[in-house]
Amino acid sequence: MSALSHQARLLRPAQKDYFEILDYLLEKNPRAAEKFESKFDNLLERLERFPFHGKLPNDETLRLDGYRIAVIDKYLVFYIVKKRIIEIHRIIHGARDYLRLLMG
């Protein structure tokens, strides 16, 4: 059996979030951008080994939809485990209205 049990995939909205976060951090603090990128890569590796590592959201609708949440600094990573695939749906700053962004 391989060391990785699942494969992480960033959906388009998560890809957009990721690059917007990196662009913002690069402009403000290049070192913070490097740290974020490294932490994100580490999170993906951890999720591929332990897909249910993230916590269940407090919101019932998100829970029923199968979402889990992982945290990187001030950012919430919303994902759903489907068979052997971990779908990363969004990466949202914790101060934002993530329910509106996920449901809208």
Foldseek 3Di string as FASTA:
>chain_A
DDQFQAAEDEDPQAVVQLVVVLVVCCVVPNVVSVVQVVVVVVVRRVCRNVVQPFDQDPDPVLVVVQWGWDDDPQWIFIWHDDRRYIYTYHIGGNVDPVVVVVVD
